[in-house]
Amino acid sequence: MAARLQLKGFILSSLKVEGWTSTRKRFSGESDVHKLLNHANVVKLHTVVFPRGYSPIIITELLHCDLERYIKKSNSSPKIPNMKLICIALDVIQGLQYMHNLDPPVVHRDLATKNILLTVNGTAKIADMGVAKRFAAGCEMYASPMPGTPVYAAPEIYTVMRQFEMVR
């Protein structure tokens, strides 16, 4: 059976501003992280093409839609039935657990509904490793604040949250 592929293209205007070399470096970083990942709940990367003078093209497995679109298009109430919601959450948790348990660990840093893709059967897969970070062995796990979608960011990255004590 032939693999179904999906292309992720990028706007050429950003390429003109950044330059071909820096664009290639940025997307090489994303593909280097993504190539390490092999899990049922992480989108499979097939290849990245860097046509000289044009935007990079990331080729991944083809999936049905992202979670954001699924929620918007849903006519049911609630938007996602409880059992389906639990299945999606467990899929994402398993994908994150896999990434965090790698040596060195990989942290996604932009986990949002637009970056959770669903198969036609409803399996959730983590996508878009554009701001993901591999943490070098033996080094402190430090990353710049607010790399991804702020509304989905972990509360501990907000400086205002540091004044509160965690209660369990």
N, C-alpha and C. Protein backbone atom coordinates (compact mmCIF):
# COMPACT_ATOMS: atom_id res chain seq x y z
N MET A 1 0.84 -1.18 0.00
CA MET A 1 0.00 0.00 0.00
C MET A 1 0.89 1.24 0.00
N ALA A 2 0.61 2.16 -0.87
CA ALA A 2 1.41 3.39 -0.98
C ALA A 2 1.10 4.33 0.18
N ALA A 3 2.13 5.01 0.65
CA ALA A 3 1.96 5.98 1.74
C ALA A 3 1.27 7.22 1.20
N ARG A 4 0.37 7.78 1.99
CA ARG A 4 -0.27 9.04 1.63
C ARG A 4 0.51 10.15 2.30
N LEU A 5 0.94 11.12 1.52
CA LEU A 5 1.82 12.17 2.00
C LEU A 5 1.14 13.52 2.01
N GLN A 6 1.65 14.41 2.83
CA GLN A 6 1.14 15.77 2.95
C GLN A 6 2.33 16.72 2.85
N LEU A 7 2.15 17.82 2.16
CA LEU A 7 3.21 18.82 2.01
C LEU A 7 2.91 20.01 2.89
N LYS A 8 3.95 20.54 3.54
CA LYS A 8 3.82 21.77 4.32
C LYS A 8 4.75 22.78 3.66
N GLY A 9 4.16 23.73 2.95
CA GLY A 9 4.96 24.74 2.26
C GLY A 9 5.01 26.02 3.08
N PHE A 10 5.87 26.93 2.71
CA PHE A 10 6.04 28.16 3.45
C PHE A 10 6.03 29.34 2.50
N ILE A 11 5.65 30.50 3.02
CA ILE A 11 5.49 31.70 2.21
C ILE A 11 6.86 32.21 1.77
N LEU A 12 6.98 32.47 0.50
CA LEU A 12 8.25 32.88 -0.08
C LEU A 12 8.73 34.22 0.45
N SER A 13 7.84 35.12 0.85
CA SER A 13 8.26 36.44 1.31
C SER A 13 9.16 36.33 2.54
N SER A 14 8.90 35.36 3.42
CA SER A 14 9.77 35.19 4.60
C SER A 14 11.15 34.74 4.18
N LEU A 15 11.23 33.99 3.10
CA LEU A 15 12.51 33.53 2.59
C LEU A 15 13.35 34.70 2.11
N LYS A 16 12.73 35.67 1.45
CA LYS A 16 13.46 36.83 0.94
C LYS A 16 14.02 37.67 2.08
N VAL A 17 13.28 37.78 3.18
CA VAL A 17 13.72 38.57 4.33
C VAL A 17 14.87 37.86 5.04
N GLU A 18 14.70 36.56 5.31
CA GLU A 18 15.69 35.82 6.07
C GLU A 18 16.89 35.41 5.24
N GLY A 19 16.69 35.14 3.99
CA GLY A 19 17.74 34.60 3.16
C GLY A 19 17.67 33.09 3.13
N TRP A 20 18.11 32.52 2.04
CA TRP A 20 18.01 31.08 1.83
C TRP A 20 18.79 30.29 2.87
N THR A 21 19.99 30.73 3.21
CA THR A 21 20.85 30.00 4.15
C THR A 21 20.24 29.93 5.54
N SER A 22 19.75 31.05 6.05
CA SER A 22 19.17 31.03 7.39
C SER A 22 17.85 30.25 7.41
N THR A 23 17.07 30.33 6.33
CA THR A 23 15.83 29.56 6.25
C THR A 23 16.13 28.07 6.26
N ARG A 24 17.12 27.68 5.47
CA ARG A 24 17.51 26.27 5.43
C ARG A 24 17.98 25.80 6.80
N LYS A 25 18.75 26.62 7.49
CA LYS A 25 19.25 26.26 8.82
C LYS A 25 18.10 26.07 9.80
N ARG A 26 17.13 27.00 9.76
CA ARG A 26 15.98 26.93 10.67
C ARG A 26 15.16 25.65 10.42
N PHE A 27 14.88 25.35 9.16
CA PHE A 27 14.08 24.16 8.86
C PHE A 27 14.88 22.88 8.98
N SER A 28 16.19 22.95 8.83
CA SER A 28 17.03 21.78 9.07
C SER A 28 16.95 21.41 10.54
N GLY A 29 16.92 22.41 11.42
CA GLY A 29 16.79 22.16 12.85
C GLY A 29 15.49 21.45 13.18
N GLU A 30 14.39 21.92 12.58
CA GLU A 30 13.10 21.27 12.80
C GLU A 30 13.12 19.84 12.30
N SER A 31 13.66 19.63 11.11
CA SER A 31 13.67 18.27 10.56
C SER A 31 14.62 17.36 11.31
N ASP A 32 15.74 17.89 11.83
CA ASP A 32 16.67 17.07 12.62
C ASP A 32 15.98 16.53 13.87
N VAL A 33 15.21 17.38 14.55
CA VAL A 33 14.47 16.93 15.73
C VAL A 33 13.40 15.93 15.31
N HIS A 34 12.66 16.27 14.27
CA HIS A 34 11.54 15.43 13.84
C HIS A 34 12.00 14.05 13.35
N LYS A 35 13.17 13.98 12.72
CA LYS A 35 13.70 12.69 12.22
C LYS A 35 13.96 11.70 13.35
N LEU A 36 14.23 12.20 14.54
CA LEU A 36 14.50 11.33 15.69
C LEU A 36 13.24 10.64 16.20
N LEU A 37 12.09 11.18 15.88
CA LEU A 37 10.83 10.75 16.49
C LEU A 37 10.17 9.64 15.68
N ASN A 38 9.85 8.56 16.38
CA ASN A 38 9.18 7.43 15.75
C ASN A 38 8.18 6.85 16.75
N HIS A 39 6.97 7.37 16.71
CA HIS A 39 5.95 6.95 17.67
C HIS A 39 4.58 7.07 17.01
N ALA A 40 3.67 6.21 17.39
CA ALA A 40 2.32 6.19 16.81
C ALA A 40 1.56 7.50 17.03
N ASN A 41 1.94 8.28 18.04
CA ASN A 41 1.22 9.52 18.33
C ASN A 41 2.03 10.78 18.02
N VAL A 42 3.00 10.62 17.12
CA VAL A 42 3.78 11.75 16.60
C VAL A 42 3.75 11.64 15.08
N VAL A 43 3.44 12.74 14.40
CA VAL A 43 3.35 12.74 12.93
C VAL A 43 4.68 12.29 12.34
N LYS A 44 4.61 11.38 11.38
CA LYS A 44 5.82 10.84 10.75
C LYS A 44 6.33 11.81 9.68
N LEU A 45 7.60 12.16 9.80
CA LEU A 45 8.28 12.99 8.81
C LEU A 45 8.88 12.08 7.75
N HIS A 46 8.60 12.38 6.48
CA HIS A 46 9.20 11.60 5.40
C HIS A 46 10.48 12.26 4.90
N THR A 47 10.41 13.54 4.60
CA THR A 47 11.61 14.25 4.15
C THR A 47 11.36 15.75 4.14
N VAL A 48 12.44 16.49 3.98
CA VAL A 48 12.36 17.94 3.79
C VAL A 48 13.13 18.25 2.52
N VAL A 49 12.53 19.04 1.65
CA VAL A 49 13.15 19.42 0.38
C VAL A 49 13.50 20.90 0.46
N PHE A 50 14.72 21.22 0.07
CA PHE A 50 15.19 22.61 0.09
C PHE A 50 15.53 23.06 -1.32
N PRO A 51 14.52 23.38 -2.14
CA PRO A 51 14.82 23.87 -3.49
C PRO A 51 15.48 25.25 -3.41
N ARG A 52 16.64 25.39 -4.02
CA ARG A 52 17.41 26.63 -3.94
C ARG A 52 16.58 27.81 -4.46
N GLY A 53 16.49 28.86 -3.63
CA GLY A 53 15.75 30.05 -4.01
C GLY A 53 14.26 29.97 -3.74
N TYR A 54 13.80 28.84 -3.22
CA TYR A 54 12.37 28.68 -2.91
C TYR A 54 12.21 28.26 -1.46
N SER A 55 10.99 28.35 -0.98
CA SER A 55 10.69 27.96 0.39
C SER A 55 10.87 26.46 0.58
N PRO A 56 11.27 26.06 1.79
CA PRO A 56 11.40 24.62 2.08
C PRO A 56 10.03 23.94 2.04
N ILE A 57 10.05 22.65 1.78
CA ILE A 57 8.83 21.84 1.75
C ILE A 57 9.03 20.66 2.69
N ILE A 58 8.16 20.56 3.70
CA ILE A 58 8.22 19.45 4.65
C ILE A 58 7.17 18.43 4.22
N ILE A 59 7.58 17.18 4.05
CA ILE A 59 6.67 16.12 3.60
C ILE A 59 6.44 15.15 4.76
N THR A 60 5.18 15.09 5.22
CA THR A 60 4.81 14.21 6.34
C THR A 60 3.70 13.27 5.89
N GLU A 61 3.33 12.37 6.80
CA GLU A 61 2.19 11.51 6.53
C GLU A 61 0.93 12.38 6.40
N LEU A 62 -0.02 11.92 5.62
CA LEU A 62 -1.26 12.66 5.41
C LEU A 62 -2.24 12.32 6.53
N LEU A 63 -2.80 13.35 7.15
CA LEU A 63 -3.78 13.15 8.22
C LEU A 63 -5.07 13.88 7.88
N HIS A 64 -6.13 13.55 8.61
CA HIS A 64 -7.47 14.05 8.29
C HIS A 64 -7.62 15.55 8.54
N CYS A 65 -7.37 16.01 9.78
CA CYS A 65 -7.51 17.43 10.11
C CYS A 65 -6.85 17.70 11.45
N ASP A 66 -6.73 18.97 11.79
CA ASP A 66 -6.19 19.29 13.11
C ASP A 66 -7.34 19.39 14.12
N LEU A 67 -6.99 19.33 15.39
CA LEU A 67 -8.00 19.33 16.45
C LEU A 67 -8.79 20.64 16.48
N GLU A 68 -8.13 21.75 16.17
CA GLU A 68 -8.82 23.04 16.13
C GLU A 68 -9.96 23.01 15.10
N ARG A 69 -9.66 22.52 13.91
CA ARG A 69 -10.68 22.44 12.85
C ARG A 69 -11.78 21.45 13.23
N TYR A 70 -11.38 20.32 13.81
CA TYR A 70 -12.35 19.30 14.23
C TYR A 70 -13.36 19.90 15.21
N ILE A 71 -12.87 20.68 16.17
CA ILE A 71 -13.76 21.31 17.16
C ILE A 71 -14.67 22.33 16.50
N LYS A 72 -14.11 23.16 15.62
CA LYS A 72 -14.91 24.20 14.94
C LYS A 72 -16.00 23.60 14.06
N LYS A 73 -15.70 22.50 13.38
CA LYS A 73 -16.65 21.88 12.45
C LYS A 73 -17.68 21.00 13.15
N SER A 74 -17.42 20.64 14.40
CA SER A 74 -18.31 19.74 15.13
C SER A 74 -19.66 20.40 15.40
N ASN A 75 -20.73 19.67 15.11
CA ASN A 75 -22.09 20.15 15.37
C ASN A 75 -22.68 19.52 16.62
N SER A 76 -21.92 18.64 17.26
CA SER A 76 -22.45 17.94 18.43
C SER A 76 -22.29 18.80 19.69
N SER A 77 -23.00 18.40 20.72
CA SER A 77 -22.89 19.08 22.00
C SER A 77 -22.73 18.00 23.07
N PRO A 78 -21.60 17.95 23.74
CA PRO A 78 -20.44 18.84 23.64
C PRO A 78 -19.71 18.66 22.31
N LYS A 79 -18.84 19.60 21.99
CA LYS A 79 -18.12 19.59 20.71
C LYS A 79 -17.35 18.30 20.49
N ILE A 80 -16.79 17.75 21.57
CA ILE A 80 -16.12 16.45 21.51
C ILE A 80 -16.73 15.59 22.61
N PRO A 81 -17.33 14.46 22.25
CA PRO A 81 -17.90 13.57 23.27
C PRO A 81 -16.83 13.15 24.28
N ASN A 82 -17.23 12.92 25.52
CA ASN A 82 -16.29 12.63 26.59
C ASN A 82 -15.32 11.49 26.28
N MET A 83 -15.81 10.38 25.75
CA MET A 83 -14.92 9.25 25.46
C MET A 83 -13.91 9.60 24.37
N LYS A 84 -14.34 10.35 23.37
CA LYS A 84 -13.44 10.79 22.31
C LYS A 84 -12.39 11.74 22.87
N LEU A 85 -12.81 12.64 23.75
CA LEU A 85 -11.90 13.58 24.40
C LEU A 85 -10.83 12.85 25.20
N ILE A 86 -11.24 11.83 25.93
CA ILE A 86 -10.30 11.03 26.72
C ILE A 86 -9.30 10.32 25.80
N CYS A 87 -9.79 9.77 24.69
CA CYS A 87 -8.90 9.09 23.74
C CYS A 87 -7.88 10.05 23.14
N ILE A 88 -8.32 11.24 22.76
CA ILE A 88 -7.41 12.25 22.20
C ILE A 88 -6.37 12.64 23.24
N ALA A 89 -6.83 12.90 24.47
CA ALA A 89 -5.91 13.28 25.55
C ALA A 89 -4.87 12.19 25.80
N LEU A 90 -5.30 10.93 25.84
CA LEU A 90 -4.37 9.83 26.07
C LEU A 90 -3.36 9.70 24.93
N ASP A 91 -3.82 9.89 23.69
CA ASP A 91 -2.89 9.85 22.54
C ASP A 91 -1.82 10.92 22.67
N VAL A 92 -2.24 12.14 23.02
CA VAL A 92 -1.29 13.26 23.16
C VAL A 92 -0.33 12.99 24.32
N ILE A 93 -0.86 12.49 25.43
CA ILE A 93 -0.02 12.18 26.59
C ILE A 93 1.03 11.13 26.23
N GLN A 94 0.62 10.10 25.49
CA GLN A 94 1.57 9.05 25.10
C GLN A 94 2.66 9.60 24.18
N GLY A 95 2.28 10.48 23.25
CA GLY A 95 3.26 11.11 22.37
C GLY A 95 4.23 11.98 23.14
N LEU A 96 3.71 12.78 24.08
CA LEU A 96 4.58 13.63 24.91
C LEU A 96 5.48 12.80 25.82
N GLN A 97 4.92 11.75 26.39
CA GLN A 97 5.72 10.89 27.27
C GLN A 97 6.88 10.28 26.49
N TYR A 98 6.62 9.84 25.28
CA TYR A 98 7.68 9.30 24.42
C TYR A 98 8.76 10.35 24.18
N MET A 99 8.35 11.57 23.79
CA MET A 99 9.31 12.64 23.48
C MET A 99 10.12 13.03 24.72
N HIS A 100 9.47 13.12 25.86
CA HIS A 100 10.15 13.55 27.08
C HIS A 100 11.07 12.47 27.64
N ASN A 101 10.82 11.20 27.29
CA ASN A 101 11.65 10.11 27.78
C ASN A 101 12.81 9.76 26.85
N LEU A 102 12.94 10.47 25.74
CA LEU A 102 14.09 10.26 24.87
C LEU A 102 15.35 10.73 25.58
N ASP A 103 16.50 10.27 25.12
CA ASP A 103 17.76 10.72 25.70
C ASP A 103 18.62 11.32 24.60
N PRO A 104 18.73 12.64 24.52
CA PRO A 104 18.17 13.66 25.40
C PRO A 104 16.68 13.89 25.11
N PRO A 105 15.95 14.43 26.09
CA PRO A 105 14.52 14.66 25.92
C PRO A 105 14.23 15.72 24.85
N VAL A 106 13.06 15.59 24.23
CA VAL A 106 12.58 16.57 23.26
C VAL A 106 11.32 17.20 23.87
N VAL A 107 11.31 18.54 23.92
CA VAL A 107 10.15 19.27 24.43
C VAL A 107 9.53 20.02 23.26
N HIS A 108 8.24 19.85 23.05
CA HIS A 108 7.54 20.40 21.88
C HIS A 108 7.50 21.93 21.90
N ARG A 109 7.07 22.54 22.97
CA ARG A 109 7.02 23.99 23.22
C ARG A 109 5.96 24.75 22.43
N ASP A 110 5.10 24.07 21.69
CA ASP A 110 3.99 24.75 21.01
C ASP A 110 2.82 23.79 20.85
N LEU A 111 2.47 23.12 21.94
CA LEU A 111 1.38 22.16 21.90
C LEU A 111 0.06 22.92 21.94
N ALA A 112 -0.61 22.99 20.81
CA ALA A 112 -1.87 23.71 20.67
C ALA A 112 -2.79 22.87 19.79
N THR A 113 -4.07 23.20 19.77
CA THR A 113 -5.03 22.41 18.99
C THR A 113 -4.65 22.37 17.51
N LYS A 114 -4.00 23.41 17.00
CA LYS A 114 -3.58 23.42 15.59
C LYS A 114 -2.43 22.44 15.33
N ASN A 115 -1.73 22.02 16.40
CA ASN A 115 -0.59 21.11 16.26
C ASN A 115 -0.89 19.70 16.74
N ILE A 116 -2.15 19.40 16.92
CA ILE A 116 -2.60 18.04 17.20
C ILE A 116 -3.43 17.62 16.01
N LEU A 117 -2.92 16.69 15.24
CA LEU A 117 -3.62 16.24 14.04
C LEU A 117 -4.32 14.92 14.31
N LEU A 118 -5.44 14.72 13.61
CA LEU A 118 -6.24 13.51 13.79
C LEU A 118 -6.24 12.68 12.53
N THR A 119 -6.16 11.36 12.69
CA THR A 119 -6.32 10.46 11.56
C THR A 119 -7.81 10.33 11.25
N VAL A 120 -8.16 9.68 10.16
CA VAL A 120 -9.57 9.47 9.85
C VAL A 120 -10.25 8.61 10.91
N ASN A 121 -9.47 7.79 11.63
CA ASN A 121 -10.02 6.95 12.70
C ASN A 121 -10.04 7.66 14.05
N GLY A 122 -9.54 8.91 14.09
CA GLY A 122 -9.58 9.70 15.32
C GLY A 122 -8.36 9.61 16.21
N THR A 123 -7.31 8.92 15.76
CA THR A 123 -6.08 8.87 16.55
C THR A 123 -5.40 10.24 16.49
N ALA A 124 -4.99 10.75 17.65
CA ALA A 124 -4.33 12.05 17.71
C ALA A 124 -2.82 11.88 17.58
N LYS A 125 -2.20 12.81 16.82
CA LYS A 125 -0.75 12.80 16.62
C LYS A 125 -0.21 14.20 16.79
N ILE A 126 0.92 14.32 17.46
CA ILE A 126 1.57 15.61 17.69
C ILE A 126 2.32 16.00 16.43
N ALA A 127 2.14 17.26 16.00
CA ALA A 127 2.75 17.75 14.76
C ALA A 127 3.51 19.05 15.02
N ASP A 128 4.21 19.51 14.02
CA ASP A 128 4.90 20.80 13.97
C ASP A 128 5.97 20.94 15.05
N MET A 129 7.16 20.48 14.72
CA MET A 129 8.29 20.53 15.64
C MET A 129 9.11 21.81 15.44
N GLY A 130 8.49 22.86 14.89
CA GLY A 130 9.20 24.09 14.56
C GLY A 130 9.92 24.76 15.72
N VAL A 131 9.37 24.69 16.93
CA VAL A 131 10.05 25.29 18.08
C VAL A 131 10.42 24.24 19.12
N ALA A 132 10.36 22.97 18.73
CA ALA A 132 10.75 21.89 19.65
C ALA A 132 12.23 22.03 19.99
N LYS A 133 12.58 21.54 21.16
CA LYS A 133 13.97 21.67 21.61
C LYS A 133 14.45 20.35 22.18
N ARG A 134 15.66 19.95 21.75
CA ARG A 134 16.35 18.81 22.35
C ARG A 134 17.28 19.36 23.42
N PHE A 135 17.23 18.75 24.58
CA PHE A 135 18.08 19.20 25.67
C PHE A 135 19.30 18.30 25.76
N ALA A 136 20.48 18.89 25.67
CA ALA A 136 21.73 18.14 25.69
C ALA A 136 21.91 17.42 27.02
N ALA A 137 22.47 16.23 26.94
CA ALA A 137 22.71 15.43 28.14
C ALA A 137 23.62 16.18 29.11
N GLY A 138 23.25 16.18 30.39
CA GLY A 138 24.06 16.80 31.42
C GLY A 138 23.93 18.31 31.50
N CYS A 139 23.16 18.92 30.63
CA CYS A 139 22.99 20.37 30.65
C CYS A 139 21.67 20.72 31.31
N GLU A 140 21.61 21.92 31.86
CA GLU A 140 20.38 22.39 32.47
C GLU A 140 19.33 22.54 31.37
N MET A 141 18.11 22.17 31.71
CA MET A 141 17.02 22.28 30.74
C MET A 141 16.50 23.71 30.74
N TYR A 142 17.06 24.54 29.87
CA TYR A 142 16.65 25.94 29.77
C TYR A 142 16.22 26.23 28.34
N ALA A 143 15.13 26.92 28.22
CA ALA A 143 14.64 27.33 26.90
C ALA A 143 14.09 28.74 27.02
N SER A 144 14.10 29.46 25.91
CA SER A 144 13.58 30.82 25.93
C SER A 144 12.08 30.80 26.22
N PRO A 145 11.59 31.82 26.91
CA PRO A 145 10.16 31.86 27.24
C PRO A 145 9.31 32.17 26.00
N MET A 146 8.07 31.75 26.07
CA MET A 146 7.05 32.03 25.06
C MET A 146 7.46 31.68 23.63
N PRO A 147 7.88 30.45 23.38
CA PRO A 147 8.26 30.12 22.02
C PRO A 147 7.07 29.83 21.11
N GLY A 148 5.96 29.38 21.66
CA GLY A 148 4.85 28.93 20.82
C GLY A 148 3.61 29.79 20.92
N THR A 149 2.47 29.15 21.05
CA THR A 149 1.18 29.81 21.11
C THR A 149 0.87 30.18 22.56
N PRO A 150 0.90 31.48 22.92
CA PRO A 150 0.77 31.90 24.32
C PRO A 150 -0.45 31.36 25.05
N VAL A 151 -1.59 31.30 24.40
CA VAL A 151 -2.81 30.85 25.08
C VAL A 151 -2.70 29.39 25.54
N TYR A 152 -1.84 28.59 24.91
CA TYR A 152 -1.67 27.19 25.27
C TYR A 152 -0.40 26.94 26.09
N ALA A 153 0.33 27.98 26.45
CA ALA A 153 1.60 27.84 27.16
C ALA A 153 1.37 27.33 28.59
N ALA A 154 2.36 26.61 29.09
CA ALA A 154 2.31 26.12 30.47
C ALA A 154 2.34 27.30 31.43
N PRO A 155 1.55 27.28 32.49
CA PRO A 155 1.47 28.43 33.40
C PRO A 155 2.80 28.79 34.05
N GLU A 156 3.68 27.81 34.24
CA GLU A 156 4.94 28.11 34.93
C GLU A 156 5.89 28.98 34.13
N ILE A 157 5.64 29.18 32.83
CA ILE A 157 6.53 30.05 32.07
C ILE A 157 6.17 31.52 32.21
N TYR A 158 5.01 31.81 32.72
CA TYR A 158 4.62 33.20 32.94
C TYR A 158 5.25 33.71 34.22
N THR A 159 5.97 34.83 34.16
CA THR A 159 6.65 35.35 35.35
C THR A 159 5.68 35.70 36.46
N VAL A 160 4.47 36.13 36.13
CA VAL A 160 3.49 36.48 37.15
C VAL A 160 3.10 35.24 37.97
N MET A 161 3.20 34.05 37.38
CA MET A 161 2.83 32.83 38.08
C MET A 161 3.85 32.42 39.14
N ARG A 162 5.06 32.96 39.06
CA ARG A 162 6.11 32.58 40.01
C ARG A 162 5.83 33.06 41.42
N GLN A 163 4.93 34.00 41.58
CA GLN A 163 4.61 34.50 42.91
C GLN A 163 3.62 33.59 43.65
N PHE A 164 3.05 32.62 42.94
CA PHE A 164 2.07 31.71 43.55
C PHE A 164 2.73 30.40 43.96
N GLU A 165 2.20 29.82 45.01
CA GLU A 165 2.70 28.53 45.49
C GLU A 165 1.79 27.44 44.94
N MET A 166 2.38 26.33 44.50
CA MET A 166 1.60 25.20 44.01
C MET A 166 1.05 24.42 45.21
N VAL A 167 -0.24 24.18 45.24
CA VAL A 167 -0.89 23.44 46.31
C VAL A 167 -1.44 22.15 45.74
N ARG A 168 -1.14 21.07 46.40
CA ARG A 168 -1.62 19.75 45.91
C ARG A 168 -2.62 19.16 46.85
